[in-house]
Amino acid sequence: MKKYTPKNERIKEEYYRYLAEVDGKSASTIDGVCKSIVRLEEYNRYKDFATFRKEQAEGFKKHLLVAKQERTGEPLSRHTMLATIKHLQAF
């Protein structure tokens, strides 16, 4: 069963609404942002965003270097890693 933090879910929903309505992002772009945030949440075991620290960001970057694609089992591409980091920086 997937875990979640209600406070995080509210923050994410507000951010997705901002991306769509204010920033004018497309649905596919918002889906990519959503995947990036979910990757971070899975890495942090769904901890509250308010407890996020610099060390977790560094650890997540290292985690991306060894992470595997779900479908193929191959390492993540550099493009995927960069896009994930960029999405999270904006978030």
C-alpha atoms as a PDB file:
ATOM      1  CA  MET A   1       0.000   0.000   0.000  1.00  0.00           C
ATOM      2  CA  LYS A   2       1.281   3.425  -0.935  1.00  0.00           C
ATOM      3  CA  LYS A   3       1.937   5.847   1.880  1.00  0.00           C
ATOM      4  CA  TYR A   4       1.306   9.562   1.727  1.00  0.00           C
ATOM      5  CA  THR A   5       1.366  12.653   3.888  1.00  0.00           C
ATOM      6  CA  PRO A   6      -1.839  14.743   3.700  1.00  0.00           C
ATOM      7  CA  LYS A   7       0.108  17.996   4.099  1.00  0.00           C
ATOM      8  CA  ASN A   8       2.388  17.034   1.186  1.00  0.00           C
ATOM      9  CA  GLU A   9      -0.605  16.137  -0.969  1.00  0.00           C
ATOM     10  CA  ARG A  10      -2.110  19.596  -0.415  1.00  0.00           C
ATOM     11  CA  ILE A  11       1.206  21.270  -1.260  1.00  0.00           C
ATOM     12  CA  LYS A  12       1.583  19.221  -4.442  1.00  0.00           C
ATOM     13  CA  GLU A  13      -2.001  19.895  -5.535  1.00  0.00           C
ATOM     14  CA  GLU A  14      -1.510  23.645  -5.103  1.00  0.00           C
ATOM     15  CA  TYR A  15       1.760  23.467  -7.046  1.00  0.00           C
ATOM     16  CA  TYR A  16       0.192  21.516  -9.929  1.00  0.00           C
ATOM     17  CA  ARG A  17      -2.651  24.044 -10.068  1.00  0.00           C
ATOM     18  CA  TYR A  18      -0.089  26.884 -10.133  1.00  0.00           C
ATOM     19  CA  LEU A  19       1.816  25.225 -12.987  1.00  0.00           C
ATOM     20  CA  ALA A  20      -1.353  24.810 -15.040  1.00  0.00           C
ATOM     21  CA  GLU A  21      -3.125  28.092 -14.386  1.00  0.00           C
ATOM     22  CA  VAL A  22      -0.394  30.637 -13.684  1.00  0.00           C
ATOM     23  CA  ASP A  23       2.660  29.238 -15.427  1.00  0.00           C
ATOM     24  CA  GLY A  24       0.710  27.803 -18.372  1.00  0.00           C
ATOM     25  CA  LYS A  25       2.410  24.393 -18.380  1.00  0.00           C
ATOM     26  CA  SER A  26       0.923  21.570 -20.436  1.00  0.00           C
ATOM     27  CA  ALA A  27      -0.551  18.425 -18.906  1.00  0.00           C
ATOM     28  CA  SER A  28       2.414  16.345 -20.077  1.00  0.00           C
ATOM     29  CA  THR A  29       4.865  18.732 -18.414  1.00  0.00           C
ATOM     30  CA  ILE A  30       2.878  18.577 -15.180  1.00  0.00           C
ATOM     31  CA  ASP A  31       2.931  14.768 -15.383  1.00  0.00           C
ATOM     32  CA  GLY A  32       6.726  14.890 -15.616  1.00  0.00           C
ATOM     33  CA  VAL A  33       6.907  17.170 -12.581  1.00  0.00           C
ATOM     34  CA  CYS A  34       4.591  14.807 -10.720  1.00  0.00           C
ATOM     35  CA  LYS A  35       6.870  11.838 -11.490  1.00  0.00           C
ATOM     36  CA  SER A  36       9.881  13.776 -10.235  1.00  0.00           C
ATOM     37  CA  ILE A  37       8.184  14.672  -6.972  1.00  0.00           C
ATOM     38  CA  VAL A  38       6.990  11.083  -6.469  1.00  0.00           C
ATOM     39  CA  ARG A  39      10.567   9.834  -6.990  1.00  0.00           C
ATOM     40  CA  LEU A  40      11.723  12.195  -4.253  1.00  0.00           C
ATOM     41  CA  GLU A  41       8.897  11.152  -1.935  1.00  0.00           C
ATOM     42  CA  GLU A  42       9.670   7.467  -2.430  1.00  0.00           C
ATOM     43  CA  TYR A  43      13.338   8.123  -1.681  1.00  0.00           C
ATOM     44  CA  ASN A  44      12.416  10.047   1.494  1.00  0.00           C
ATOM     45  CA  ARG A  45       9.821   7.435   2.479  1.00  0.00           C
ATOM     46  CA  TYR A  46       7.003   9.989   2.219  1.00  0.00           C
ATOM     47  CA  LYS A  47       8.333  12.255   4.970  1.00  0.00           C
ATOM     48  CA  ASP A  48       6.842  15.707   5.432  1.00  0.00           C
ATOM     49  CA  PHE A  49       8.327  18.276   3.029  1.00  0.00           C
ATOM     50  CA  ALA A  50       8.831  20.634   5.978  1.00  0.00           C
ATOM     51  CA  THR A  51      11.540  18.303   7.320  1.00  0.00           C
ATOM     52  CA  PHE A  52      13.520  18.318   4.049  1.00  0.00           C
ATOM     53  CA  ARG A  53      17.232  19.048   4.477  1.00  0.00           C
ATOM     54  CA  LYS A  54      20.251  19.656   2.244  1.00  0.00           C
ATOM     55  CA  GLU A  55      21.672  16.205   3.051  1.00  0.00           C
ATOM     56  CA  GLN A  56      18.529  14.566   1.676  1.00  0.00           C
ATOM     57  CA  ALA A  57      18.945  16.461  -1.602  1.00  0.00           C
ATOM     58  CA  GLU A  58      22.554  15.298  -1.888  1.00  0.00           C
ATOM     59  CA  GLY A  59      21.538  11.728  -1.123  1.00  0.00           C
ATOM     60  CA  PHE A  60      18.741  11.868  -3.680  1.00  0.00           C
ATOM     61  CA  LYS A  61      21.157  12.997  -6.397  1.00  0.00           C
ATOM     62  CA  LYS A  62      23.403  10.027  -5.585  1.00  0.00           C
ATOM     63  CA  HIS A  63      20.353   7.763  -5.571  1.00  0.00           C
ATOM     64  CA  LEU A  64      19.437   8.903  -9.101  1.00  0.00           C
ATOM     65  CA  LEU A  65      22.874   7.838 -10.349  1.00  0.00           C
ATOM     66  CA  VAL A  66      22.198   4.214  -9.377  1.00  0.00           C
ATOM     67  CA  ALA A  67      18.411   4.158  -9.924  1.00  0.00           C
ATOM     68  CA  LYS A  68      16.949   1.854 -12.564  1.00  0.00           C
ATOM     69  CA  GLN A  69      14.111   2.400 -15.026  1.00  0.00           C
ATOM     70  CA  GLU A  70      10.941   0.610 -13.961  1.00  0.00           C
ATOM     71  CA  ARG A  71      10.182  -0.906 -17.356  1.00  0.00           C
ATOM     72  CA  THR A  72      13.587  -1.949 -18.637  1.00  0.00           C
ATOM     73  CA  GLY A  73      15.706  -2.181 -15.507  1.00  0.00           C
ATOM     74  CA  GLU A  74      18.420  -0.085 -17.163  1.00  0.00           C
ATOM     75  CA  PRO A  75      20.013   2.915 -15.426  1.00  0.00           C
ATOM     76  CA  LEU A  76      18.196   6.241 -15.732  1.00  0.00           C
ATOM     77  CA  SER A  77      19.320   8.363 -18.646  1.00  0.00           C
ATOM     78  CA  ARG A  78      21.210  11.591 -18.013  1.00  0.00           C
ATOM     79  CA  HIS A  79      18.279  13.492 -19.472  1.00  0.00           C
ATOM     80  CA  THR A  80      15.865  11.922 -16.974  1.00  0.00           C
ATOM     81  CA  MET A  81      18.183  12.701 -14.065  1.00  0.00           C
ATOM     82  CA  LEU A  82      18.630  16.313 -15.199  1.00  0.00           C
ATOM     83  CA  ALA A  83      14.893  16.822 -15.774  1.00  0.00           C
ATOM     84  CA  THR A  84      14.121  15.357 -12.340  1.00  0.00           C
ATOM     85  CA  ILE A  85      16.607  17.677 -10.639  1.00  0.00           C
ATOM     86  CA  LYS A  86      15.328  20.724 -12.565  1.00  0.00           C
ATOM     87  CA  HIS A  87      11.705  19.940 -11.683  1.00  0.00           C
ATOM     88  CA  LEU A  88      12.574  19.597  -8.019  1.00  0.00           C
ATOM     89  CA  GLN A  89      14.633  22.802  -7.988  1.00  0.00           C
ATOM     90  CA  ALA A  90      11.613  24.699  -9.279  1.00  0.00           C
ATOM     91  CA  PHE A  91       9.347  22.977  -6.764  1.00  0.00           C
END
